[in-house]
Amino acid sequence: WVCGIGYAAGTMELLLITFLLPQLDHDWGPFTRLQNSMVTSVLFSGSLLGSLFWGRVSDVSGRKLAFVATVAMSAVFGVASALAPSLAWMLVFRFFVGFAIGGNLSA
């Protein structure tokens, strides 16, 4: 059941984007279409690269280590993205959230 909670948390991070974009537009906006696309794209780009990286790590070092590391990484960067002072920092933190989620799903 622990793995299920990790997968559910990763899925919630992916779904969070739909609720996050209108609030970001209100707080830091108005956003252009490019800026809206960037917030979504960095998360999925990170997920792609994270699945490649963490899949290899879990094959070499074991699934437990990769799973625990990606859940911790997702939590840390998720909180960091909530506290991001600007769009640029938000993009960096959301990339690493995606990187962790990609690893979580492949581990």
PDB file of N, CA and C in Angstrom:
ATOM      1  N   TRP A   1       0.806  -1.193   0.000  1.00  0.00           N
ATOM      2  CA  TRP A   1       0.000   0.000   0.000  1.00  0.00           C
ATOM      3  C   TRP A   1       0.853   1.262   0.000  1.00  0.00           C
ATOM      4  N   VAL A   2       2.089   1.166   0.449  1.00  0.00           N
ATOM      5  CA  VAL A   2       2.975   2.326   0.438  1.00  0.00           C
ATOM      6  C   VAL A   2       3.259   2.767  -0.999  1.00  0.00           C
ATOM      7  N   CYS A   3       3.484   1.821  -1.882  1.00  0.00           N
ATOM      8  CA  CYS A   3       3.719   2.157  -3.285  1.00  0.00           C
ATOM      9  C   CYS A   3       2.490   2.830  -3.887  1.00  0.00           C
ATOM     10  N   GLY A   4       1.318   2.377  -3.502  1.00  0.00           N
ATOM     11  CA  GLY A   4       0.087   2.988  -3.993  1.00  0.00           C
ATOM     12  C   GLY A   4      -0.033   4.439  -3.584  1.00  0.00           C
ATOM     13  N   ILE A   5       0.382   4.746  -2.357  1.00  0.00           N
ATOM     14  CA  ILE A   5       0.356   6.138  -1.898  1.00  0.00           C
ATOM     15  C   ILE A   5       1.342   6.977  -2.708  1.00  0.00           C
ATOM     16  N   GLY A   6       2.505   6.413  -3.002  1.00  0.00           N
ATOM     17  CA  GLY A   6       3.486   7.123  -3.831  1.00  0.00           C
ATOM     18  C   GLY A   6       2.954   7.394  -5.221  1.00  0.00           C
ATOM     19  N   TYR A   7       2.306   6.405  -5.815  1.00  0.00           N
ATOM     20  CA  TYR A   7       1.733   6.587  -7.154  1.00  0.00           C
ATOM     21  C   TYR A   7       0.598   7.610  -7.126  1.00  0.00           C
ATOM     22  N   ALA A   8      -0.227   7.557  -6.074  1.00  0.00           N
ATOM     23  CA  ALA A   8      -1.328   8.514  -5.953  1.00  0.00           C
ATOM     24  C   ALA A   8      -0.799   9.937  -5.795  1.00  0.00           C
ATOM     25  N   ALA A   9       0.260  10.099  -5.022  1.00  0.00           N
ATOM     26  CA  ALA A   9       0.855  11.430  -4.851  1.00  0.00           C
ATOM     27  C   ALA A   9       1.425  11.942  -6.169  1.00  0.00           C
ATOM     28  N   GLY A  10       2.056  11.074  -6.922  1.00  0.00           N
ATOM     29  CA  GLY A  10       2.585  11.466  -8.233  1.00  0.00           C
ATOM     30  C   GLY A  10       1.478  11.870  -9.187  1.00  0.00           C
ATOM     31  N   THR A  11       0.410  11.115  -9.178  1.00  0.00           N
ATOM     32  CA  THR A  11      -0.730  11.444 -10.039  1.00  0.00           C
ATOM     33  C   THR A  11      -1.364  12.769  -9.633  1.00  0.00           C
ATOM     34  N   MET A  12      -1.455  13.011  -8.343  1.00  0.00           N
ATOM     35  CA  MET A  12      -2.022  14.282  -7.876  1.00  0.00           C
ATOM     36  C   MET A  12      -1.149  15.463  -8.310  1.00  0.00           C
ATOM     37  N   GLU A  13       0.162  15.277  -8.291  1.00  0.00           N
ATOM     38  CA  GLU A  13       1.054  16.345  -8.768  1.00  0.00           C
ATOM     39  C   GLU A  13       0.800  16.651 -10.239  1.00  0.00           C
ATOM     40  N   LEU A  14       0.570  15.611 -11.032  1.00  0.00           N
ATOM     41  CA  LEU A  14       0.298  15.818 -12.459  1.00  0.00           C
ATOM     42  C   LEU A  14      -1.050  16.517 -12.667  1.00  0.00           C
ATOM     43  N   LEU A  15      -2.032  16.146 -11.866  1.00  0.00           N
ATOM     44  CA  LEU A  15      -3.357  16.762 -11.995  1.00  0.00           C
ATOM     45  C   LEU A  15      -3.406  18.162 -11.407  1.00  0.00           C
ATOM     46  N   LEU A  16      -2.494  18.455 -10.519  1.00  0.00           N
ATOM     47  CA  LEU A  16      -2.457  19.754  -9.862  1.00  0.00           C
ATOM     48  C   LEU A  16      -2.298  20.906 -10.854  1.00  0.00           C
ATOM     49  N   ILE A  17      -1.672  20.634 -11.976  1.00  0.00           N
ATOM     50  CA  ILE A  17      -1.429  21.676 -12.978  1.00  0.00           C
ATOM     51  C   ILE A  17      -2.730  22.353 -13.406  1.00  0.00           C
ATOM     52  N   THR A  18      -3.794  21.593 -13.532  1.00  0.00           N
ATOM     53  CA  THR A  18      -5.063  22.180 -13.995  1.00  0.00           C
ATOM     54  C   THR A  18      -5.600  23.197 -12.998  1.00  0.00           C
ATOM     55  N   PHE A  19      -5.314  23.002 -11.722  1.00  0.00           N
ATOM     56  CA  PHE A  19      -5.750  23.956 -10.709  1.00  0.00           C
ATOM     57  C   PHE A  19      -4.715  25.045 -10.475  1.00  0.00           C
ATOM     58  N   LEU A  20      -3.478  24.753 -10.761  1.00  0.00           N
ATOM     59  CA  LEU A  20      -2.385  25.686 -10.510  1.00  0.00           C
ATOM     60  C   LEU A  20      -2.341  26.828 -11.523  1.00  0.00           C
ATOM     61  N   LEU A  21      -2.582  26.544 -12.778  1.00  0.00           N
ATOM     62  CA  LEU A  21      -2.446  27.566 -13.821  1.00  0.00           C
ATOM     63  C   LEU A  21      -3.352  28.783 -13.616  1.00  0.00           C
ATOM     64  N   PRO A  22      -4.633  28.626 -13.317  1.00  0.00           N
ATOM     65  CA  PRO A  22      -5.453  29.826 -13.095  1.00  0.00           C
ATOM     66  C   PRO A  22      -4.982  30.651 -11.899  1.00  0.00           C
ATOM     67  N   GLN A  23      -4.521  29.985 -10.856  1.00  0.00           N
ATOM     68  CA  GLN A  23      -4.046  30.720  -9.683  1.00  0.00           C
ATOM     69  C   GLN A  23      -2.740  31.459  -9.982  1.00  0.00           C
ATOM     70  N   LEU A  24      -1.847  30.816 -10.728  1.00  0.00           N
ATOM     71  CA  LEU A  24      -0.609  31.494 -11.120  1.00  0.00           C
ATOM     72  C   LEU A  24      -0.905  32.699 -12.002  1.00  0.00           C
ATOM     73  N   ASP A  25      -1.854  32.537 -12.898  1.00  0.00           N
ATOM     74  CA  ASP A  25      -2.248  33.639 -13.769  1.00  0.00           C
ATOM     75  C   ASP A  25      -2.795  34.802 -12.950  1.00  0.00           C
ATOM     76  N   HIS A  26      -3.516  34.493 -11.908  1.00  0.00           N
ATOM     77  CA  HIS A  26      -4.071  35.534 -11.038  1.00  0.00           C
ATOM     78  C   HIS A  26      -2.981  36.208 -10.206  1.00  0.00           C
ATOM     79  N   ASP A  27      -2.060  35.421  -9.658  1.00  0.00           N
ATOM     80  CA  ASP A  27      -1.031  35.957  -8.766  1.00  0.00           C
ATOM     81  C   ASP A  27       0.109  36.649  -9.511  1.00  0.00           C
ATOM     82  N   TRP A  28       0.581  36.043 -10.586  1.00  0.00           N
ATOM     83  CA  TRP A  28       1.749  36.550 -11.299  1.00  0.00           C
ATOM     84  C   TRP A  28       1.430  37.023 -12.702  1.00  0.00           C
ATOM     85  N   GLY A  29       0.199  36.962 -13.089  1.00  0.00           N
ATOM     86  CA  GLY A  29      -0.184  37.164 -14.475  1.00  0.00           C
ATOM     87  C   GLY A  29      -0.377  38.601 -14.859  1.00  0.00           C
ATOM     88  N   PRO A  30      -0.949  38.805 -16.015  1.00  0.00           N
ATOM     89  CA  PRO A  30      -1.507  37.755 -16.862  1.00  0.00           C
ATOM     90  C   PRO A  30      -0.409  37.000 -17.614  1.00  0.00           C
ATOM     91  N   PHE A  31      -0.619  35.704 -17.747  1.00  0.00           N
ATOM     92  CA  PHE A  31       0.329  34.846 -18.444  1.00  0.00           C
ATOM     93  C   PHE A  31      -0.016  34.778 -19.927  1.00  0.00           C
ATOM     94  N   THR A  32       1.017  34.643 -20.706  1.00  0.00           N
ATOM     95  CA  THR A  32       0.818  34.387 -22.129  1.00  0.00           C
ATOM     96  C   THR A  32       0.583  32.890 -22.324  1.00  0.00           C
ATOM     97  N   ARG A  33       0.206  32.524 -23.525  1.00  0.00           N
ATOM     98  CA  ARG A  33       0.030  31.098 -23.819  1.00  0.00           C
ATOM     99  C   ARG A  33       1.349  30.347 -23.672  1.00  0.00           C
ATOM    100  N   LEU A  34       2.440  30.998 -24.042  1.00  0.00           N
ATOM    101  CA  LEU A  34       3.758  30.380 -23.917  1.00  0.00           C
ATOM    102  C   LEU A  34       4.083  30.088 -22.453  1.00  0.00           C
ATOM    103  N   GLN A  35       3.831  31.030 -21.583  1.00  0.00           N
ATOM    104  CA  GLN A  35       4.121  30.825 -20.167  1.00  0.00           C
ATOM    105  C   GLN A  35       3.255  29.707 -19.587  1.00  0.00           C
ATOM    106  N   ASN A  36       1.989  29.670 -19.942  1.00  0.00           N
ATOM    107  CA  ASN A  36       1.117  28.577 -19.497  1.00  0.00           C
ATOM    108  C   ASN A  36       1.645  27.233 -19.995  1.00  0.00           C
ATOM    109  N   SER A  37       2.065  27.205 -21.240  1.00  0.00           N
ATOM    110  CA  SER A  37       2.591  25.964 -21.815  1.00  0.00           C
ATOM    111  C   SER A  37       3.884  25.533 -21.140  1.00  0.00           C
ATOM    112  N   MET A  38       4.702  26.495 -20.773  1.00  0.00           N
ATOM    113  CA  MET A  38       5.976  26.172 -20.130  1.00  0.00           C
ATOM    114  C   MET A  38       5.765  25.510 -18.774  1.00  0.00           C
ATOM    115  N   VAL A  39       4.792  25.986 -18.006  1.00  0.00           N
ATOM    116  CA  VAL A  39       4.533  25.400 -16.690  1.00  0.00           C
ATOM    117  C   VAL A  39       4.164  23.928 -16.832  1.00  0.00           C
ATOM    118  N   THR A  40       3.365  23.619 -17.823  1.00  0.00           N
ATOM    119  CA  THR A  40       2.970  22.229 -18.054  1.00  0.00           C
ATOM    120  C   THR A  40       4.107  21.421 -18.677  1.00  0.00           C
ATOM    121  N   SER A  41       4.797  22.000 -19.631  1.00  0.00           N
ATOM    122  CA  SER A  41       5.827  21.272 -20.372  1.00  0.00           C
ATOM    123  C   SER A  41       7.011  20.877 -19.509  1.00  0.00           C
ATOM    124  N   VAL A  42       7.432  21.744 -18.590  1.00  0.00           N
ATOM    125  CA  VAL A  42       8.597  21.396 -17.774  1.00  0.00           C
ATOM    126  C   VAL A  42       8.292  20.203 -16.872  1.00  0.00           C
ATOM    127  N   LEU A  43       7.065  20.099 -16.402  1.00  0.00           N
ATOM    128  CA  LEU A  43       6.702  18.960 -15.561  1.00  0.00           C
ATOM    129  C   LEU A  43       6.796  17.652 -16.348  1.00  0.00           C
ATOM    130  N   PHE A  44       6.238  17.643 -17.547  1.00  0.00           N
ATOM    131  CA  PHE A  44       6.260  16.421 -18.344  1.00  0.00           C
ATOM    132  C   PHE A  44       7.642  16.137 -18.922  1.00  0.00           C
ATOM    133  N   SER A  45       8.418  17.174 -19.202  1.00  0.00           N
ATOM    134  CA  SER A  45       9.802  16.960 -19.640  1.00  0.00           C
ATOM    135  C   SER A  45      10.620  16.329 -18.525  1.00  0.00           C
ATOM    136  N   GLY A  46      10.434  16.841 -17.317  1.00  0.00           N
ATOM    137  CA  GLY A  46      11.115  16.249 -16.167  1.00  0.00           C
ATOM    138  C   GLY A  46      10.703  14.807 -15.945  1.00  0.00           C
ATOM    139  N   SER A  47       9.428  14.518 -16.157  1.00  0.00           N
ATOM    140  CA  SER A  47       8.932  13.155 -15.999  1.00  0.00           C
ATOM    141  C   SER A  47       9.580  12.205 -17.009  1.00  0.00           C
ATOM    142  N   LEU A  48       9.721  12.668 -18.228  1.00  0.00           N
ATOM    143  CA  LEU A  48      10.366  11.852 -19.258  1.00  0.00           C
ATOM    144  C   LEU A  48      11.812  11.548 -18.881  1.00  0.00           C
ATOM    145  N   LEU A  49      12.557  12.576 -18.548  1.00  0.00           N
ATOM    146  CA  LEU A  49      13.963  12.375 -18.201  1.00  0.00           C
ATOM    147  C   LEU A  49      14.119  11.608 -16.893  1.00  0.00           C
ATOM    148  N   GLY A  50      13.216  11.864 -15.949  1.00  0.00           N
ATOM    149  CA  GLY A  50      13.272  11.145 -14.676  1.00  0.00           C
ATOM    150  C   GLY A  50      13.016   9.663 -14.822  1.00  0.00           C
ATOM    151  N   SER A  51      12.097   9.303 -15.698  1.00  0.00           N
ATOM    152  CA  SER A  51      11.830   7.876 -15.889  1.00  0.00           C
ATOM    153  C   SER A  51      13.037   7.171 -16.508  1.00  0.00           C
ATOM    154  N   LEU A  52      13.712   7.844 -17.409  1.00  0.00           N
ATOM    155  CA  LEU A  52      14.920   7.253 -17.998  1.00  0.00           C
ATOM    156  C   LEU A  52      16.034   7.113 -16.963  1.00  0.00           C
ATOM    157  N   PHE A  53      16.243   8.174 -16.197  1.00  0.00           N
ATOM    158  CA  PHE A  53      17.317   8.170 -15.197  1.00  0.00           C
ATOM    159  C   PHE A  53      17.020   7.193 -14.057  1.00  0.00           C
ATOM    160  N   TRP A  54      15.855   7.327 -13.446  1.00  0.00           N
ATOM    161  CA  TRP A  54      15.529   6.517 -12.269  1.00  0.00           C
ATOM    162  C   TRP A  54      15.272   5.060 -12.630  1.00  0.00           C
ATOM    163  N   GLY A  55      14.835   4.792 -13.837  1.00  0.00           N
ATOM    164  CA  GLY A  55      14.701   3.403 -14.266  1.00  0.00           C
ATOM    165  C   GLY A  55      16.041   2.702 -14.274  1.00  0.00           C
ATOM    166  N   ARG A  56      17.034   3.402 -14.754  1.00  0.00           N
ATOM    167  CA  ARG A  56      18.393   2.846 -14.777  1.00  0.00           C
ATOM    168  C   ARG A  56      18.931   2.693 -13.352  1.00  0.00           C
ATOM    169  N   VAL A  57      18.709   3.721 -12.521  1.00  0.00           N
ATOM    170  CA  VAL A  57      19.175   3.656 -11.129  1.00  0.00           C
ATOM    171  C   VAL A  57      18.516   2.493 -10.394  1.00  0.00           C
ATOM    172  N   SER A  58      17.223   2.319 -10.602  1.00  0.00           N
ATOM    173  CA  SER A  58      16.528   1.233  -9.894  1.00  0.00           C
ATOM    174  C   SER A  58      16.970  -0.137 -10.396  1.00  0.00           C
ATOM    175  N   ASP A  59      17.358  -0.247 -11.653  1.00  0.00           N
ATOM    176  CA  ASP A  59      17.885  -1.513 -12.154  1.00  0.00           C
ATOM    177  C   ASP A  59      19.233  -1.843 -11.520  1.00  0.00           C
ATOM    178  N   VAL A  60      20.027  -0.818 -11.290  1.00  0.00           N
ATOM    179  CA  VAL A  60      21.365  -1.029 -10.754  1.00  0.00           C
ATOM    180  C   VAL A  60      21.358  -1.118  -9.221  1.00  0.00           C
ATOM    181  N   SER A  61      20.648  -0.200  -8.574  1.00  0.00           N
ATOM    182  CA  SER A  61      20.721  -0.090  -7.114  1.00  0.00           C
ATOM    183  C   SER A  61      19.539  -0.698  -6.374  1.00  0.00           C
ATOM    184  N   GLY A  62      18.500  -1.020  -7.062  1.00  0.00           N
ATOM    185  CA  GLY A  62      17.330  -1.584  -6.402  1.00  0.00           C
ATOM    186  C   GLY A  62      16.154  -0.630  -6.428  1.00  0.00           C
ATOM    187  N   ARG A  63      14.975  -1.197  -6.458  1.00  0.00           N
ATOM    188  CA  ARG A  63      13.754  -0.407  -6.575  1.00  0.00           C
ATOM    189  C   ARG A  63      13.428   0.360  -5.297  1.00  0.00           C
ATOM    190  N   LYS A  64      13.732  -0.211  -4.154  1.00  0.00           N
ATOM    191  CA  LYS A  64      13.396   0.453  -2.892  1.00  0.00           C
ATOM    192  C   LYS A  64      14.124   1.779  -2.755  1.00  0.00           C
ATOM    193  N   LEU A  65      15.410   1.787  -3.032  1.00  0.00           N
ATOM    194  CA  LEU A  65      16.202   3.020  -2.937  1.00  0.00           C
ATOM    195  C   LEU A  65      15.665   4.075  -3.895  1.00  0.00           C
ATOM    196  N   ALA A  66      15.388   3.690  -5.123  1.00  0.00           N
ATOM    197  CA  ALA A  66      14.888   4.647  -6.108  1.00  0.00           C
ATOM    198  C   ALA A  66      13.511   5.161  -5.709  1.00  0.00           C
ATOM    199  N   PHE A  67      12.654   4.292  -5.211  1.00  0.00           N
ATOM    200  CA  PHE A  67      11.312   4.704  -4.826  1.00  0.00           C
ATOM    201  C   PHE A  67      11.350   5.688  -3.666  1.00  0.00           C
ATOM    202  N   VAL A  68      12.113   5.374  -2.641  1.00  0.00           N
ATOM    203  CA  VAL A  68      12.206   6.265  -1.477  1.00  0.00           C
ATOM    204  C   VAL A  68      12.818   7.611  -1.873  1.00  0.00           C
ATOM    205  N   ALA A  69      13.843   7.576  -2.705  1.00  0.00           N
ATOM    206  CA  ALA A  69      14.490   8.820  -3.138  1.00  0.00           C
ATOM    207  C   ALA A  69      13.542   9.689  -3.960  1.00  0.00           C
ATOM    208  N   THR A  70      12.765   9.072  -4.835  1.00  0.00           N
ATOM    209  CA  THR A  70      11.874   9.864  -5.683  1.00  0.00           C
ATOM    210  C   THR A  70      10.688  10.411  -4.903  1.00  0.00           C
ATOM    211  N   VAL A  71      10.189   9.672  -3.933  1.00  0.00           N
ATOM    212  CA  VAL A  71       9.098  10.195  -3.096  1.00  0.00           C
ATOM    213  C   VAL A  71       9.599  11.380  -2.276  1.00  0.00           C
ATOM    214  N   ALA A  72      10.787  11.255  -1.683  1.00  0.00           N
ATOM    215  CA  ALA A  72      11.361  12.366  -0.917  1.00  0.00           C
ATOM    216  C   ALA A  72      11.627  13.571  -1.809  1.00  0.00           C
ATOM    217  N   MET A  73      12.161  13.315  -2.987  1.00  0.00           N
ATOM    218  CA  MET A  73      12.455  14.401  -3.925  1.00  0.00           C
ATOM    219  C   MET A  73      11.178  15.102  -4.369  1.00  0.00           C
ATOM    220  N   SER A  74      10.137  14.345  -4.604  1.00  0.00           N
ATOM    221  CA  SER A  74       8.852  14.918  -4.997  1.00  0.00           C
ATOM    222  C   SER A  74       8.290  15.799  -3.891  1.00  0.00           C
ATOM    223  N   ALA A  75       8.417  15.357  -2.653  1.00  0.00           N
ATOM    224  CA  ALA A  75       7.919  16.143  -1.527  1.00  0.00           C
ATOM    225  C   ALA A  75       8.700  17.447  -1.366  1.00  0.00           C
ATOM    226  N   VAL A  76      10.018  17.355  -1.428  1.00  0.00           N
ATOM    227  CA  VAL A  76      10.863  18.548  -1.235  1.00  0.00           C
ATOM    228  C   VAL A  76      10.612  19.579  -2.338  1.00  0.00           C
ATOM    229  N   PHE A  77      10.633  19.136  -3.577  1.00  0.00           N
ATOM    230  CA  PHE A  77      10.451  20.088  -4.676  1.00  0.00           C
ATOM    231  C   PHE A  77       8.996  20.518  -4.828  1.00  0.00           C
ATOM    232  N   GLY A  78       8.068  19.697  -4.362  1.00  0.00           N
ATOM    233  CA  GLY A  78       6.667  20.129  -4.348  1.00  0.00           C
ATOM    234  C   GLY A  78       6.458  21.294  -3.394  1.00  0.00           C
ATOM    235  N   VAL A  79       7.044  21.195  -2.207  1.00  0.00           N
ATOM    236  CA  VAL A  79       6.961  22.297  -1.242  1.00  0.00           C
ATOM    237  C   VAL A  79       7.722  23.510  -1.771  1.00  0.00           C
ATOM    238  N   ALA A  80       8.874  23.278  -2.360  1.00  0.00           N
ATOM    239  CA  ALA A  80       9.663  24.391  -2.920  1.00  0.00           C
ATOM    240  C   ALA A  80       8.884  25.105  -4.019  1.00  0.00           C
ATOM    241  N   SER A  81       8.163  24.363  -4.848  1.00  0.00           N
ATOM    242  CA  SER A  81       7.391  25.027  -5.908  1.00  0.00           C
ATOM    243  C   SER A  81       6.238  25.818  -5.330  1.00  0.00           C
ATOM    244  N   ALA A  82       5.696  25.375  -4.193  1.00  0.00           N
ATOM    245  CA  ALA A  82       4.631  26.142  -3.536  1.00  0.00           C
ATOM    246  C   ALA A  82       5.167  27.460  -2.984  1.00  0.00           C
ATOM    247  N   LEU A  83       6.431  27.502  -2.659  1.00  0.00           N
ATOM    248  CA  LEU A  83       7.047  28.706  -2.093  1.00  0.00           C
ATOM    249  C   LEU A  83       7.859  29.495  -3.113  1.00  0.00           C
ATOM    250  N   ALA A  84       7.769  29.143  -4.375  1.00  0.00           N
ATOM    251  CA  ALA A  84       8.577  29.787  -5.419  1.00  0.00           C
ATOM    252  C   ALA A  84       8.268  31.287  -5.496  1.00  0.00           C
ATOM    253  N   PRO A  85       9.307  32.124  -5.531  1.00  0.00           N
ATOM    254  CA  PRO A  85       9.093  33.564  -5.579  1.00  0.00           C
ATOM    255  C   PRO A  85       8.818  34.126  -6.978  1.00  0.00           C
ATOM    256  N   SER A  86       9.074  33.342  -8.013  1.00  0.00           N
ATOM    257  CA  SER A  86       8.886  33.834  -9.374  1.00  0.00           C
ATOM    258  C   SER A  86       8.567  32.673 -10.307  1.00  0.00           C
ATOM    259  N   LEU A  87       8.176  33.016 -11.516  1.00  0.00           N
ATOM    260  CA  LEU A  87       7.870  31.996 -12.509  1.00  0.00           C
ATOM    261  C   LEU A  87       9.105  31.172 -12.857  1.00  0.00           C
ATOM    262  N   ALA A  88      10.239  31.808 -12.948  1.00  0.00           N
ATOM    263  CA  ALA A  88      11.470  31.077 -13.295  1.00  0.00           C
ATOM    264  C   ALA A  88      11.772  29.999 -12.257  1.00  0.00           C
ATOM    265  N   TRP A  89      11.679  30.342 -10.989  1.00  0.00           N
ATOM    266  CA  TRP A  89      11.910  29.348  -9.941  1.00  0.00           C
ATOM    267  C   TRP A  89      10.831  28.275  -9.956  1.00  0.00           C
ATOM    268  N   MET A  90       9.602  28.669 -10.218  1.00  0.00           N
ATOM    269  CA  MET A  90       8.513  27.702 -10.301  1.00  0.00           C
ATOM    270  C   MET A  90       8.805  26.670 -11.395  1.00  0.00           C
ATOM    271  N   LEU A  91       9.306  27.123 -12.530  1.00  0.00           N
ATOM    272  CA  LEU A  91       9.629  26.205 -13.624  1.00  0.00           C
ATOM    273  C   LEU A  91      10.735  25.232 -13.229  1.00  0.00           C
ATOM    274  N   VAL A  92      11.741  25.723 -12.552  1.00  0.00           N
ATOM    275  CA  VAL A  92      12.841  24.854 -12.110  1.00  0.00           C
ATOM    276  C   VAL A  92      12.320  23.802 -11.137  1.00  0.00           C
ATOM    277  N   PHE A  93      11.545  24.242 -10.148  1.00  0.00           N
ATOM    278  CA  PHE A  93      11.046  23.308  -9.140  1.00  0.00           C
ATOM    279  C   PHE A  93      10.053  22.311  -9.734  1.00  0.00           C
ATOM    280  N   ARG A  94       9.201  22.758 -10.636  1.00  0.00           N
ATOM    281  CA  ARG A  94       8.238  21.833 -11.252  1.00  0.00           C
ATOM    282  C   ARG A  94       8.952  20.820 -12.153  1.00  0.00           C
ATOM    283  N   PHE A  95      10.059  21.224 -12.772  1.00  0.00           N
ATOM    284  CA  PHE A  95      10.847  20.265 -13.545  1.00  0.00           C
ATOM    285  C   PHE A  95      11.323  19.129 -12.645  1.00  0.00           C
ATOM    286  N   PHE A  96      11.860  19.474 -11.474  1.00  0.00           N
ATOM    287  CA  PHE A  96      12.363  18.449 -10.576  1.00  0.00           C
ATOM    288  C   PHE A  96      11.245  17.630  -9.938  1.00  0.00           C
ATOM    289  N   VAL A  97      10.082  18.218  -9.761  1.00  0.00           N
ATOM    290  CA  VAL A  97       8.916  17.426  -9.340  1.00  0.00           C
ATOM    291  C   VAL A  97       8.609  16.388 -10.417  1.00  0.00           C
ATOM    292  N   GLY A  98       8.599  16.810 -11.662  1.00  0.00           N
ATOM    293  CA  GLY A  98       8.371  15.875 -12.762  1.00  0.00           C
ATOM    294  C   GLY A  98       9.460  14.814 -12.842  1.00  0.00           C
ATOM    295  N   PHE A  99      10.691  15.217 -12.608  1.00  0.00           N
ATOM    296  CA  PHE A  99      11.815  14.277 -12.608  1.00  0.00           C
ATOM    297  C   PHE A  99      11.603  13.189 -11.555  1.00  0.00           C
ATOM    298  N   ALA A 100      11.116  13.604 -10.399  1.00  0.00           N
ATOM    299  CA  ALA A 100      10.850  12.653  -9.315  1.00  0.00           C
ATOM    300  C   ALA A 100       9.642  11.765  -9.656  1.00  0.00           C
ATOM    301  N   ILE A 101       8.611  12.342 -10.213  1.00  0.00           N
ATOM    302  CA  ILE A 101       7.419  11.562 -10.555  1.00  0.00           C
ATOM    303  C   ILE A 101       7.745  10.522 -11.622  1.00  0.00           C
ATOM    304  N   GLY A 102       8.513  10.904 -12.607  1.00  0.00           N
ATOM    305  CA  GLY A 102       8.918   9.941 -13.633  1.00  0.00           C
ATOM    306  C   GLY A 102       9.680   8.774 -13.037  1.00  0.00           C
ATOM    307  N   GLY A 103      10.519   9.066 -12.070  1.00  0.00           N
ATOM    308  CA  GLY A 103      11.253   8.007 -11.391  1.00  0.00           C
ATOM    309  C   GLY A 103      10.362   7.163 -10.514  1.00  0.00           C
ATOM    310  N   ASN A 104       9.407   7.807  -9.856  1.00  0.00           N
ATOM    311  CA  ASN A 104       8.482   7.087  -8.991  1.00  0.00           C
ATOM    312  C   ASN A 104       7.678   6.075  -9.791  1.00  0.00           C
ATOM    313  N   LEU A 105       7.232   6.479 -10.952  1.00  0.00           N
ATOM    314  CA  LEU A 105       6.423   5.584 -11.764  1.00  0.00           C
ATOM    315  C   LEU A 105       7.241   4.467 -12.401  1.00  0.00           C
ATOM    316  N   SER A 106       8.535   4.704 -12.635  1.00  0.00           N
ATOM    317  CA  SER A 106       9.350   3.658 -13.242  1.00  0.00           C
ATOM    318  C   SER A 106       9.996   2.741 -12.204  1.00  0.00           C
ATOM    319  N   ALA A 107      10.057   3.189 -10.960  1.00  0.00           N
ATOM    320  CA  ALA A 107      10.673   2.359  -9.907  1.00  0.00           C
ATOM    321  C   ALA A 107       9.696   1.402  -9.396  1.00  0.00           C
TER     322      ALA A 107
END
